[in-house]
Protein backbone atom coordinates (compact mmCIF):
# COMPACT_ATOMS: atom_id res chain seq x y z
CA UNK A 1 107.43 90.51 106.88
CA UNK A 2 109.78 91.05 103.93
CA UNK A 3 111.84 94.24 103.50
CA UNK A 4 113.24 95.12 100.08
CA UNK A 5 115.93 97.68 99.16
CA UNK A 6 113.98 99.60 96.52
CA UNK A 7 115.07 103.25 96.58
CA UNK A 8 114.16 106.62 95.08
CA UNK A 9 116.00 105.94 91.81
CA UNK A 10 114.02 102.71 91.38
CA UNK A 11 110.86 104.71 91.98
CA UNK A 12 111.82 107.30 89.35
CA UNK A 13 112.61 104.57 86.82
CA UNK A 14 109.29 102.88 87.53
CA UNK A 15 107.38 106.15 87.10
CA UNK A 16 108.95 106.93 83.71
CA UNK A 17 108.61 103.37 82.44
CA UNK A 18 104.94 103.27 83.32
CA UNK A 19 104.28 106.80 82.05
CA UNK A 20 105.50 105.98 78.54
CA UNK A 21 103.23 102.93 78.54
CA UNK A 22 100.21 105.11 79.32
CA UNK A 23 99.61 103.84 82.84
CA UNK A 24 96.77 105.28 84.87
CA UNK A 25 96.85 106.62 88.40
CA UNK A 26 97.39 103.19 89.94
CA UNK A 27 100.45 102.47 87.81
CA UNK A 28 101.95 105.94 88.21
CA UNK A 29 101.74 105.58 92.00
CA UNK A 30 104.82 103.43 91.53
CA UNK A 31 106.35 101.09 94.08
CA UNK A 32 104.29 101.05 97.26
CA UNK A 33 106.06 101.58 100.58
CA UNK A 34 103.93 98.84 102.09
CA UNK A 35 101.90 96.08 100.48
CA UNK A 36 100.16 93.02 101.85
CA UNK A 37 99.99 89.87 99.75
CA UNK A 38 98.10 87.15 101.60
CA UNK A 39 99.97 86.51 104.84
CA UNK A 40 103.07 88.39 103.69
CA UNK A 41 103.65 92.09 104.36
CA UNK A 42 106.22 93.69 102.06
CA UNK A 43 107.85 96.92 103.23
CA UNK A 44 110.26 99.19 101.39
CA UNK A 45 111.86 101.49 103.95
CA UNK A 46 114.47 102.99 101.59
CA UNK A 47 112.21 104.67 99.02
CA UNK A 48 113.28 108.08 100.33
CA UNK A 49 116.97 107.38 99.71
CA UNK A 50 118.98 107.84 96.52
CA UNK A 51 121.04 104.98 95.08
CA UNK A 52 124.29 106.94 95.43
CA UNK A 53 123.60 107.69 99.11
CA UNK A 54 123.03 104.04 99.88
CA UNK A 55 126.12 102.95 97.93
CA UNK A 56 128.25 105.44 99.86
CA UNK A 57 126.98 104.16 103.20
CA UNK A 58 127.71 100.57 102.20
CA UNK A 59 131.23 101.39 100.94
CA UNK A 60 132.14 103.45 104.02
CA UNK A 61 130.92 100.66 106.31
CA UNK A 62 132.97 98.12 104.38
CA UNK A 63 129.92 95.96 103.81
CA UNK A 64 129.85 93.46 100.96
CA UNK A 65 127.38 94.06 98.15
CA UNK A 66 126.46 92.50 94.84
CA UNK A 67 125.91 94.17 91.49
CA UNK A 68 123.36 92.64 89.15
CA UNK A 69 124.97 92.43 85.67
CA UNK A 70 121.55 92.91 84.03
CA UNK A 71 121.63 96.50 85.34
CA UNK A 72 124.15 97.30 82.57
CA UNK A 73 122.34 95.40 79.81
CA UNK A 74 120.79 97.89 77.37
CA UNK A 75 118.37 95.24 76.12
CA UNK A 76 116.30 95.96 79.22
CA UNK A 77 114.00 98.96 79.26
CA UNK A 78 114.83 99.80 82.88
CA UNK A 79 118.54 100.02 82.02
CA UNK A 80 117.83 102.44 79.18
CA UNK A 81 115.65 104.57 81.49
CA UNK A 82 118.41 104.53 84.13
CA UNK A 83 120.91 105.79 81.55
CA UNK A 84 118.50 108.52 80.47
CA UNK A 85 118.14 109.70 84.08
CA UNK A 86 121.92 109.74 84.50
CA UNK A 87 122.42 111.70 81.27
CA UNK A 88 119.69 114.32 81.85
CA UNK A 89 120.18 116.22 85.12
CA UNK A 90 116.85 117.99 84.72
CA UNK A 91 115.11 114.60 85.10
CA UNK A 92 115.53 114.66 88.87
CA UNK A 93 114.92 111.19 90.35
CA UNK A 94 114.05 112.70 93.73
CA UNK A 95 111.41 114.91 92.11
CA UNK A 96 109.99 111.98 90.15
CA UNK A 97 109.90 109.87 93.32
CA UNK A 98 108.04 112.68 95.09
CA UNK A 99 105.56 112.79 92.21
CA UNK A 100 104.84 109.09 92.72
CA UNK A 101 104.09 109.76 96.39
CA UNK A 102 101.56 112.42 95.40
CA UNK A 103 100.00 110.13 92.80
CA UNK A 104 99.92 107.39 95.46
CA UNK A 105 97.88 109.66 97.73
CA UNK A 106 95.47 110.35 94.85
CA UNK A 107 95.26 106.62 94.14
CA UNK A 108 94.36 105.91 97.77
CA UNK A 109 91.68 108.62 97.70
CA UNK A 110 90.18 107.15 94.53
CA UNK A 111 90.26 103.65 96.05
CA UNK A 112 88.42 104.94 99.14
CA UNK A 113 85.82 106.70 96.99
CA UNK A 114 85.35 103.55 94.93
CA UNK A 115 84.75 101.49 98.08
CA UNK A 116 82.18 104.04 99.26
CA UNK A 117 80.43 104.04 95.88
CA UNK A 118 80.43 100.23 95.87
CA UNK A 119 78.51 100.31 99.16
CA UNK A 120 76.15 103.14 98.24
CA UNK A 121 75.48 102.67 94.50
CA UNK A 122 74.24 99.07 94.58
CA UNK A 123 70.68 99.03 93.29
CA UNK A 124 68.19 96.85 95.18
CA UNK A 125 66.08 94.80 95.10
CA UNK A 126 67.66 92.58 92.49
CA UNK A 127 69.30 89.18 92.57
CA UNK A 128 71.82 90.47 90.04
CA UNK A 129 74.57 92.98 90.61
CA UNK A 130 73.43 96.39 89.44
CA UNK A 131 75.33 99.64 89.95
CA UNK A 132 74.03 103.19 89.56
CA UNK A 133 76.61 104.94 87.36
CA UNK A 134 74.73 108.24 87.04
CA UNK A 135 76.94 111.35 86.93
CA UNK A 136 80.16 109.45 87.64
CA UNK A 137 83.35 110.35 85.75
CA UNK A 138 84.87 107.64 83.58
CA UNK A 139 87.65 106.84 86.08
CA UNK A 140 85.17 105.97 88.81
CA UNK A 141 83.03 103.99 86.35
CA UNK A 142 86.20 102.16 85.32
CA UNK A 143 87.06 101.29 88.92
CA UNK A 144 83.53 100.20 89.83
CA UNK A 145 83.36 98.11 86.68
CA UNK A 146 86.62 96.35 87.50
CA UNK A 147 85.35 95.65 91.00
CA UNK A 148 82.05 94.29 89.65
CA UNK A 149 83.79 92.12 87.05
CA UNK A 150 86.03 90.53 89.66
CA UNK A 151 83.07 89.92 91.97
CA UNK A 152 81.25 88.00 89.20
CA UNK A 153 84.33 86.28 87.75
CA UNK A 154 87.12 86.21 90.36
CA UNK A 155 89.59 84.75 87.86
CA UNK A 156 89.30 87.67 85.46
CA UNK A 157 92.54 89.47 84.63
CA UNK A 158 92.59 92.63 86.82
CA UNK A 159 94.79 94.38 84.25
CA UNK A 160 92.66 93.51 81.22
CA UNK A 161 91.76 96.36 78.86
CA UNK A 162 88.15 97.30 79.61
CA UNK A 163 88.04 100.51 77.55
CA UNK A 164 85.98 98.94 74.70
CA UNK A 165 83.52 97.68 77.33
CA UNK A 166 83.19 101.15 78.86
CA UNK A 167 82.72 102.68 75.40
CA UNK A 168 79.94 100.21 74.57
CA UNK A 169 78.14 100.78 77.86
CA UNK A 170 78.42 104.57 77.54
CA UNK A 171 76.72 104.32 74.14
CA UNK A 172 73.91 102.20 75.60
CA UNK A 173 75.03 98.82 74.24
CA UNK A 174 75.46 95.62 76.23
CA UNK A 175 78.88 93.97 76.02
CA UNK A 176 80.88 91.18 77.55
CA UNK A 177 84.24 91.15 79.28
CA UNK A 178 85.63 87.69 79.77
CA UNK A 179 82.78 85.62 81.19
CA UNK A 180 80.72 88.62 82.36
CA UNK A 181 77.82 90.23 80.51
CA UNK A 182 77.19 93.89 81.31
CA UNK A 183 73.92 95.49 80.27
CA UNK A 184 73.12 99.21 80.62
CA UNK A 185 69.64 99.88 82.01
CA UNK A 186 69.26 103.63 81.99
CA UNK A 187 71.94 104.92 84.33
CA UNK A 188 72.38 101.50 85.93
CA UNK A 189 74.72 98.79 84.67
CA UNK A 190 73.78 95.18 85.31
CA UNK A 191 76.52 92.58 85.72
CA UNK A 192 75.90 88.85 85.37
CA UNK A 193 77.64 85.70 84.11
CA UNK A 194 77.66 85.65 80.33
CA UNK A 195 75.60 82.89 78.69
CA UNK A 196 77.59 79.96 77.32
CA UNK A 197 79.07 80.63 73.89
CA UNK A 198 77.60 78.68 71.03
CA UNK A 199 79.96 76.19 69.41
């Protein structure tokens, strides 16, 4: 297990940085309190604490600490966001951190729904992967599509832009994403390895 010292101010900075980049629910959920990567569990027990609170505790206890010089380097986006938060009292880091918790709960709910749809919307019998997308909002189609793409081509970039693919499928046109061909068949979308490209 690995514990990191990410705190509420880090969470607020992450939220704003991702918001201006147009992140979706997953990105706006911010830094997770607990994440498992292979055999390693990463925990962040200080996300409810402000930077100033932690610094005060460390100083009063006489504990040594290090300051990363890059934290003062305005070339970095995070530094500029940190300065904005310090200069604008109405941008409350604690409130922004709370917002990420709420978005995190929504993200978990969407992930659970996606898993349920993955189990219940598979169309059989068919040797190929087909999913019934009828009456699903775009966000759930997006999540199911990402899941299907990674099941066909595990090496596909999980953060790749799939909006043009979704647009094509919604208009009834087949399209490829990486090495995966997706073909709409009525309300079902069929996923299969794309044929080799011609030289």
